[in-house]
């Protein structure tokens, strides 16, 4: 028997893929930003699935962690 409910990890990767596809609909100058968000959404999907039940929440959490890391990196320079 297969799994009938996708895991949060799989779900957040699906969210990331949808964001990647949605990026194509953005203006040319915004497409790279959309793709960057899609990549950030996947970065912590493995870790986030331990504590979160919602794939979208896991994807957004991952993006926020990456944004904070970027901001912190900018402060150190």
PDB file of N, CA and C in Angstrom:
ATOM      1  N   UNK A   1       0.828  -1.187   0.000  1.00  0.00           N
ATOM      2  CA  UNK A   1       0.000   0.000   0.000  1.00  0.00           C
ATOM      3  C   UNK A   1       0.867   1.243   0.000  1.00  0.00           C
ATOM      4  N   UNK A   2       0.495   2.199  -0.821  1.00  0.00           N
ATOM      5  CA  UNK A   2       1.246   3.434  -0.913  1.00  0.00           C
ATOM      6  C   UNK A   2       0.756   4.469   0.079  1.00  0.00           C
ATOM      7  N   UNK A   3       1.522   5.489   0.183  1.00  0.00           N
ATOM      8  CA  UNK A   3       1.181   6.588   1.072  1.00  0.00           C
ATOM      9  C   UNK A   3       0.085   7.428   0.418  1.00  0.00           C
ATOM     10  N   UNK A   4      -0.999   7.693   1.137  1.00  0.00           N
ATOM     11  CA  UNK A   4      -2.102   8.450   0.545  1.00  0.00           C
ATOM     12  C   UNK A   4      -1.993   9.946   0.837  1.00  0.00           C
ATOM     13  N   UNK A   5      -1.261  10.313   1.881  1.00  0.00           N
ATOM     14  CA  UNK A   5      -1.079  11.716   2.229  1.00  0.00           C
ATOM     15  C   UNK A   5       0.393  12.052   2.035  1.00  0.00           C
ATOM     16  N   UNK A   6       0.700  13.038   1.188  1.00  0.00           N
ATOM     17  CA  UNK A   6       2.105  13.372   0.960  1.00  0.00           C
ATOM     18  C   UNK A   6       2.752  13.935   2.227  1.00  0.00           C
ATOM     19  N   UNK A   7       4.035  13.686   2.395  1.00  0.00           N
ATOM     20  CA  UNK A   7       4.753  14.221   3.549  1.00  0.00           C
ATOM     21  C   UNK A   7       4.914  15.727   3.387  1.00  0.00           C
ATOM     22  N   UNK A   8       5.226  16.388   4.480  1.00  0.00           N
ATOM     23  CA  UNK A   8       5.451  17.821   4.434  1.00  0.00           C
ATOM     24  C   UNK A   8       6.646  18.127   3.540  1.00  0.00           C
ATOM     25  N   UNK A   9       7.670  17.296   3.595  1.00  0.00           N
ATOM     26  CA  UNK A   9       8.850  17.483   2.745  1.00  0.00           C
ATOM     27  C   UNK A   9       8.450  17.441   1.276  1.00  0.00           C
ATOM     28  N   UNK A  10       7.684  16.444   0.895  1.00  0.00           N
ATOM     29  CA  UNK A  10       7.240  16.340  -0.497  1.00  0.00           C
ATOM     30  C   UNK A  10       6.333  17.516  -0.859  1.00  0.00           C
ATOM     31  N   UNK A  11       5.466  17.884   0.072  1.00  0.00           N
ATOM     32  CA  UNK A  11       4.546  18.995  -0.172  1.00  0.00           C
ATOM     33  C   UNK A  11       5.263  20.317  -0.352  1.00  0.00           C
ATOM     34  N   UNK A  12       6.295  20.565   0.466  1.00  0.00           N
ATOM     35  CA  UNK A  12       7.015  21.826   0.326  1.00  0.00           C
ATOM     36  C   UNK A  12       7.818  21.859  -0.973  1.00  0.00           C
ATOM     37  N   UNK A  13       8.282  20.701  -1.420  1.00  0.00           N
ATOM     38  CA  UNK A  13       8.965  20.651  -2.716  1.00  0.00           C
ATOM     39  C   UNK A  13       7.976  20.912  -3.853  1.00  0.00           C
ATOM     40  N   UNK A  14       6.736  20.439  -3.694  1.00  0.00           N
ATOM     41  CA  UNK A  14       5.700  20.721  -4.690  1.00  0.00           C
ATOM     42  C   UNK A  14       5.368  22.209  -4.710  1.00  0.00           C
ATOM     43  N   UNK A  15       5.311  22.831  -3.519  1.00  0.00           N
ATOM     44  CA  UNK A  15       5.072  24.277  -3.439  1.00  0.00           C
ATOM     45  C   UNK A  15       6.192  25.005  -4.169  1.00  0.00           C
ATOM     46  N   UNK A  16       7.424  24.595  -3.920  1.00  0.00           N
ATOM     47  CA  UNK A  16       8.570  25.212  -4.576  1.00  0.00           C
ATOM     48  C   UNK A  16       8.470  25.084  -6.096  1.00  0.00           C
ATOM     49  N   UNK A  17       8.055  23.934  -6.571  1.00  0.00           N
ATOM     50  CA  UNK A  17       7.920  23.726  -8.016  1.00  0.00           C
ATOM     51  C   UNK A  17       6.803  24.605  -8.594  1.00  0.00           C
ATOM     52  N   UNK A  18       5.712  24.753  -7.859  1.00  0.00           N
ATOM     53  CA  UNK A  18       4.636  25.642  -8.320  1.00  0.00           C
ATOM     54  C   UNK A  18       5.122  27.089  -8.368  1.00  0.00           C
ATOM     55  N   UNK A  19       5.922  27.485  -7.366  1.00  0.00           N
ATOM     56  CA  UNK A  19       6.472  28.845  -7.358  1.00  0.00           C
ATOM     57  C   UNK A  19       7.402  29.040  -8.546  1.00  0.00           C
ATOM     58  N   UNK A  20       8.160  28.006  -8.882  1.00  0.00           N
ATOM     59  CA  UNK A  20       9.071  28.083 -10.027  1.00  0.00           C
ATOM     60  C   UNK A  20       8.258  28.308 -11.308  1.00  0.00           C
ATOM     61  N   UNK A  21       7.181  27.554 -11.473  1.00  0.00           N
ATOM     62  CA  UNK A  21       6.329  27.709 -12.656  1.00  0.00           C
ATOM     63  C   UNK A  21       5.654  29.081 -12.672  1.00  0.00           C
ATOM     64  N   UNK A  22       5.216  29.537 -11.500  1.00  0.00           N
ATOM     65  CA  UNK A  22       4.559  30.840 -11.412  1.00  0.00           C
ATOM     66  C   UNK A  22       5.526  31.965 -11.760  1.00  0.00           C
ATOM     67  N   UNK A  23       6.798  31.750 -11.507  1.00  0.00           N
ATOM     68  CA  UNK A  23       7.810  32.769 -11.813  1.00  0.00           C
ATOM     69  C   UNK A  23       7.845  33.092 -13.295  1.00  0.00           C
ATOM     70  N   UNK A  24       7.513  32.135 -14.114  1.00  0.00           N
ATOM     71  CA  UNK A  24       7.515  32.362 -15.569  1.00  0.00           C
ATOM     72  C   UNK A  24       6.470  33.393 -15.983  1.00  0.00           C
ATOM     73  N   UNK A  25       5.417  33.533 -15.176  1.00  0.00           N
ATOM     74  CA  UNK A  25       4.349  34.475 -15.500  1.00  0.00           C
ATOM     75  C   UNK A  25       4.678  35.896 -15.053  1.00  0.00           C
ATOM     76  N   UNK A  26       5.735  36.055 -14.271  1.00  0.00           N
ATOM     77  CA  UNK A  26       6.117  37.375 -13.791  1.00  0.00           C
ATOM     78  C   UNK A  26       6.760  38.190 -14.907  1.00  0.00           C
ATOM     79  N   UNK A  27       6.865  39.485 -14.674  1.00  0.00           N
ATOM     80  CA  UNK A  27       7.595  40.339 -15.601  1.00  0.00           C
ATOM     81  C   UNK A  27       9.027  39.834 -15.695  1.00  0.00           C
ATOM     82  N   UNK A  28       9.653  40.074 -16.823  1.00  0.00           N
ATOM     83  CA  UNK A  28      11.007  39.574 -17.071  1.00  0.00           C
ATOM     84  C   UNK A  28      11.969  39.951 -15.940  1.00  0.00           C
ATOM     85  N   UNK A  29      11.886  41.190 -15.475  1.00  0.00           N
ATOM     86  CA  UNK A  29      12.811  41.636 -14.434  1.00  0.00           C
ATOM     87  C   UNK A  29      12.531  41.013 -13.060  1.00  0.00           C
ATOM     88  N   UNK A  30      11.358  40.403 -12.891  1.00  0.00           N
ATOM     89  CA  UNK A  30      11.007  39.772 -11.610  1.00  0.00           C
ATOM     90  C   UNK A  30      11.172  38.255 -11.619  1.00  0.00           C
ATOM     91  N   UNK A  31      11.366  37.679 -12.777  1.00  0.00           N
ATOM     92  CA  UNK A  31      11.442  36.217 -12.872  1.00  0.00           C
ATOM     93  C   UNK A  31      12.575  35.629 -12.042  1.00  0.00           C
ATOM     94  N   UNK A  32      13.746  36.254 -12.067  1.00  0.00           N
ATOM     95  CA  UNK A  32      14.870  35.736 -11.274  1.00  0.00           C
ATOM     96  C   UNK A  32      14.557  35.758  -9.783  1.00  0.00           C
ATOM     97  N   UNK A  33      13.831  36.775  -9.340  1.00  0.00           N
ATOM     98  CA  UNK A  33      13.464  36.857  -7.918  1.00  0.00           C
ATOM     99  C   UNK A  33      12.506  35.719  -7.541  1.00  0.00           C
ATOM    100  N   UNK A  34      11.565  35.442  -8.423  1.00  0.00           N
ATOM    101  CA  UNK A  34      10.637  34.332  -8.178  1.00  0.00           C
ATOM    102  C   UNK A  34      11.354  32.997  -8.119  1.00  0.00           C
ATOM    103  N   UNK A  35      12.293  32.796  -9.028  1.00  0.00           N
ATOM    104  CA  UNK A  35      13.075  31.550  -9.023  1.00  0.00           C
ATOM    105  C   UNK A  35      13.926  31.440  -7.767  1.00  0.00           C
ATOM    106  N   UNK A  36      14.454  32.557  -7.308  1.00  0.00           N
ATOM    107  CA  UNK A  36      15.262  32.575  -6.090  1.00  0.00           C
ATOM    108  C   UNK A  36      14.414  32.172  -4.885  1.00  0.00           C
ATOM    109  N   UNK A  37      13.179  32.691  -4.814  1.00  0.00           N
ATOM    110  CA  UNK A  37      12.274  32.298  -3.729  1.00  0.00           C
ATOM    111  C   UNK A  37      11.954  30.805  -3.784  1.00  0.00           C
ATOM    112  N   UNK A  38      11.738  30.295  -4.990  1.00  0.00           N
ATOM    113  CA  UNK A  38      11.448  28.865  -5.144  1.00  0.00           C
ATOM    114  C   UNK A  38      12.617  28.017  -4.643  1.00  0.00           C
ATOM    115  N   UNK A  39      13.837  28.447  -4.941  1.00  0.00           N
ATOM    116  CA  UNK A  39      15.018  27.714  -4.471  1.00  0.00           C
ATOM    117  C   UNK A  39      15.139  27.787  -2.958  1.00  0.00           C
ATOM    118  N   UNK A  40      14.882  28.962  -2.392  1.00  0.00           N
ATOM    119  CA  UNK A  40      14.965  29.115  -0.938  1.00  0.00           C
ATOM    120  C   UNK A  40      13.924  28.249  -0.243  1.00  0.00           C
ATOM    121  N   UNK A  41      12.765  28.077  -0.855  1.00  0.00           N
ATOM    122  CA  UNK A  41      11.697  27.280  -0.246  1.00  0.00           C
ATOM    123  C   UNK A  41      12.117  25.825  -0.071  1.00  0.00           C
ATOM    124  N   UNK A  42      13.016  25.339  -0.921  1.00  0.00           N
ATOM    125  CA  UNK A  42      13.460  23.945  -0.839  1.00  0.00           C
ATOM    126  C   UNK A  42      14.600  23.742   0.146  1.00  0.00           C
ATOM    127  N   UNK A  43      15.320  24.786   0.485  1.00  0.00           N
ATOM    128  CA  UNK A  43      16.557  24.640   1.250  1.00  0.00           C
ATOM    129  C   UNK A  43      16.384  23.941   2.596  1.00  0.00           C
ATOM    130  N   UNK A  44      15.318  24.220   3.306  1.00  0.00           N
ATOM    131  CA  UNK A  44      15.143  23.667   4.647  1.00  0.00           C
ATOM    132  C   UNK A  44      13.941  22.737   4.747  1.00  0.00           C
ATOM    133  N   UNK A  45      13.472  22.252   3.621  1.00  0.00           N
ATOM    134  CA  UNK A  45      12.277  21.408   3.652  1.00  0.00           C
ATOM    135  C   UNK A  45      12.514  20.138   4.460  1.00  0.00           C
ATOM    136  N   UNK A  46      13.702  19.600   4.421  1.00  0.00           N
ATOM    137  CA  UNK A  46      13.987  18.381   5.173  1.00  0.00           C
ATOM    138  C   UNK A  46      13.946  18.626   6.675  1.00  0.00           C
ATOM    139  N   UNK A  47      14.500  19.760   7.116  1.00  0.00           N
ATOM    140  CA  UNK A  47      14.507  20.066   8.540  1.00  0.00           C
ATOM    141  C   UNK A  47      13.126  20.493   9.029  1.00  0.00           C
ATOM    142  N   UNK A  48      12.433  21.308   8.233  1.00  0.00           N
ATOM    143  CA  UNK A  48      11.158  21.881   8.658  1.00  0.00           C
ATOM    144  C   UNK A  48      10.078  20.815   8.815  1.00  0.00           C
ATOM    145  N   UNK A  49      10.176  19.720   8.084  1.00  0.00           N
ATOM    146  CA  UNK A  49       9.087  18.742   8.153  1.00  0.00           C
ATOM    147  C   UNK A  49       9.009  18.062   9.520  1.00  0.00           C
ATOM    148  N   UNK A  50      10.064  18.124  10.307  1.00  0.00           N
ATOM    149  CA  UNK A  50      10.027  17.530  11.647  1.00  0.00           C
ATOM    150  C   UNK A  50       9.082  18.281  12.573  1.00  0.00           C
ATOM    151  N   UNK A  51       8.999  19.609  12.414  1.00  0.00           N
ATOM    152  CA  UNK A  51       8.232  20.424  13.345  1.00  0.00           C
ATOM    153  C   UNK A  51       6.934  20.975  12.774  1.00  0.00           C
ATOM    154  N   UNK A  52       6.785  20.960  11.459  1.00  0.00           N
ATOM    155  CA  UNK A  52       5.625  21.602  10.833  1.00  0.00           C
ATOM    156  C   UNK A  52       4.773  20.581  10.095  1.00  0.00           C
ATOM    157  N   UNK A  53       3.461  20.795  10.141  1.00  0.00           N
ATOM    158  CA  UNK A  53       2.536  19.879   9.480  1.00  0.00           C
ATOM    159  C   UNK A  53       2.056  20.367   8.123  1.00  0.00           C
ATOM    160  N   UNK A  54       2.237  21.640   7.857  1.00  0.00           N
ATOM    161  CA  UNK A  54       1.708  22.250   6.637  1.00  0.00           C
ATOM    162  C   UNK A  54       2.848  22.520   5.648  1.00  0.00           C
ATOM    163  N   UNK A  55       2.768  21.965   4.442  1.00  0.00           N
ATOM    164  CA  UNK A  55       3.830  22.177   3.461  1.00  0.00           C
ATOM    165  C   UNK A  55       4.064  23.646   3.112  1.00  0.00           C
ATOM    166  N   UNK A  56       3.001  24.431   3.024  1.00  0.00           N
ATOM    167  CA  UNK A  56       3.164  25.850   2.714  1.00  0.00           C
ATOM    168  C   UNK A  56       3.879  26.557   3.862  1.00  0.00           C
ATOM    169  N   UNK A  57       3.513  26.223   5.079  1.00  0.00           N
ATOM    170  CA  UNK A  57       4.184  26.817   6.234  1.00  0.00           C
ATOM    171  C   UNK A  57       5.671  26.457   6.225  1.00  0.00           C
ATOM    172  N   UNK A  58       5.995  25.218   5.894  1.00  0.00           N
ATOM    173  CA  UNK A  58       7.393  24.785   5.830  1.00  0.00           C
ATOM    174  C   UNK A  58       8.145  25.560   4.750  1.00  0.00           C
ATOM    175  N   UNK A  59       7.514  25.772   3.593  1.00  0.00           N
ATOM    176  CA  UNK A  59       8.156  26.507   2.512  1.00  0.00           C
ATOM    177  C   UNK A  59       8.380  27.961   2.897  1.00  0.00           C
ATOM    178  N   UNK A  60       7.378  28.593   3.485  1.00  0.00           N
ATOM    179  CA  UNK A  60       7.506  29.994   3.889  1.00  0.00           C
ATOM    180  C   UNK A  60       8.550  30.132   4.995  1.00  0.00           C
ATOM    181  N   UNK A  61       8.546  29.210   5.948  1.00  0.00           N
ATOM    182  CA  UNK A  61       9.545  29.218   7.018  1.00  0.00           C
ATOM    183  C   UNK A  61      10.950  29.145   6.424  1.00  0.00           C
ATOM    184  N   UNK A  62      11.139  28.266   5.472  1.00  0.00           N
ATOM    185  CA  UNK A  62      12.433  28.113   4.819  1.00  0.00           C
ATOM    186  C   UNK A  62      12.860  29.403   4.129  1.00  0.00           C
ATOM    187  N   UNK A  63      11.947  30.040   3.416  1.00  0.00           N
ATOM    188  CA  UNK A  63      12.253  31.297   2.737  1.00  0.00           C
ATOM    189  C   UNK A  63      12.631  32.367   3.755  1.00  0.00           C
ATOM    190  N   UNK A  64      11.885  32.442   4.851  1.00  0.00           N
ATOM    191  CA  UNK A  64      12.181  33.455   5.866  1.00  0.00           C
ATOM    192  C   UNK A  64      13.546  33.233   6.511  1.00  0.00           C
ATOM    193  N   UNK A  65      13.907  31.987   6.771  1.00  0.00           N
ATOM    194  CA  UNK A  65      15.236  31.688   7.317  1.00  0.00           C
ATOM    195  C   UNK A  65      16.316  32.173   6.358  1.00  0.00           C
ATOM    196  N   UNK A  66      16.137  31.902   5.075  1.00  0.00           N
ATOM    197  CA  UNK A  66      17.130  32.316   4.088  1.00  0.00           C
ATOM    198  C   UNK A  66      17.209  33.837   3.963  1.00  0.00           C
ATOM    199  N   UNK A  67      16.078  34.523   4.068  1.00  0.00           N
ATOM    200  CA  UNK A  67      16.076  35.982   4.004  1.00  0.00           C
ATOM    201  C   UNK A  67      16.821  36.556   5.208  1.00  0.00           C
ATOM    202  N   UNK A  68      16.560  36.010   6.391  1.00  0.00           N
ATOM    203  CA  UNK A  68      17.256  36.480   7.588  1.00  0.00           C
ATOM    204  C   UNK A  68      18.757  36.234   7.458  1.00  0.00           C
ATOM    205  N   UNK A  69      19.137  35.082   6.911  1.00  0.00           N
ATOM    206  CA  UNK A  69      20.557  34.806   6.702  1.00  0.00           C
ATOM    207  C   UNK A  69      21.176  35.834   5.759  1.00  0.00           C
ATOM    208  N   UNK A  70      20.459  36.189   4.698  1.00  0.00           N
ATOM    209  CA  UNK A  70      20.957  37.199   3.757  1.00  0.00           C
ATOM    210  C   UNK A  70      21.109  38.553   4.452  1.00  0.00           C
ATOM    211  N   UNK A  71      20.128  38.930   5.277  1.00  0.00           N
ATOM    212  CA  UNK A  71      20.202  40.194   5.997  1.00  0.00           C
ATOM    213  C   UNK A  71      21.371  40.198   6.977  1.00  0.00           C
ATOM    214  N   UNK A  72      21.547  39.114   7.683  1.00  0.00           N
ATOM    215  CA  UNK A  72      22.662  39.002   8.630  1.00  0.00           C
ATOM    216  C   UNK A  72      23.994  39.065   7.903  1.00  0.00           C
ATOM    217  N   UNK A  73      24.096  38.429   6.759  1.00  0.00           N
ATOM    218  CA  UNK A  73      25.314  38.461   5.970  1.00  0.00           C
ATOM    219  C   UNK A  73      25.638  39.875   5.525  1.00  0.00           C
ATOM    220  N   UNK A  74      24.616  40.635   5.191  1.00  0.00           N
ATOM    221  CA  UNK A  74      24.813  42.005   4.774  1.00  0.00           C
ATOM    222  C   UNK A  74      25.292  42.889   5.909  1.00  0.00           C
ATOM    223  N   UNK A  75      24.874  42.596   7.136  1.00  0.00           N
ATOM    224  CA  UNK A  75      25.300  43.375   8.288  1.00  0.00           C
ATOM    225  C   UNK A  75      26.753  43.136   8.640  1.00  0.00           C
ATOM    226  N   UNK A  76      27.234  41.910   8.389  1.00  0.00           N
ATOM    227  CA  UNK A  76      28.602  41.568   8.754  1.00  0.00           C
ATOM    228  C   UNK A  76      29.613  42.191   7.819  1.00  0.00           C
ATOM    229  N   UNK A  77      29.190  42.492   6.592  1.00  0.00           N
ATOM    230  CA  UNK A  77      30.132  43.032   5.603  1.00  0.00           C
ATOM    231  C   UNK A  77      30.340  44.507   5.725  1.00  0.00           C
TER     232      UNK A  77
END
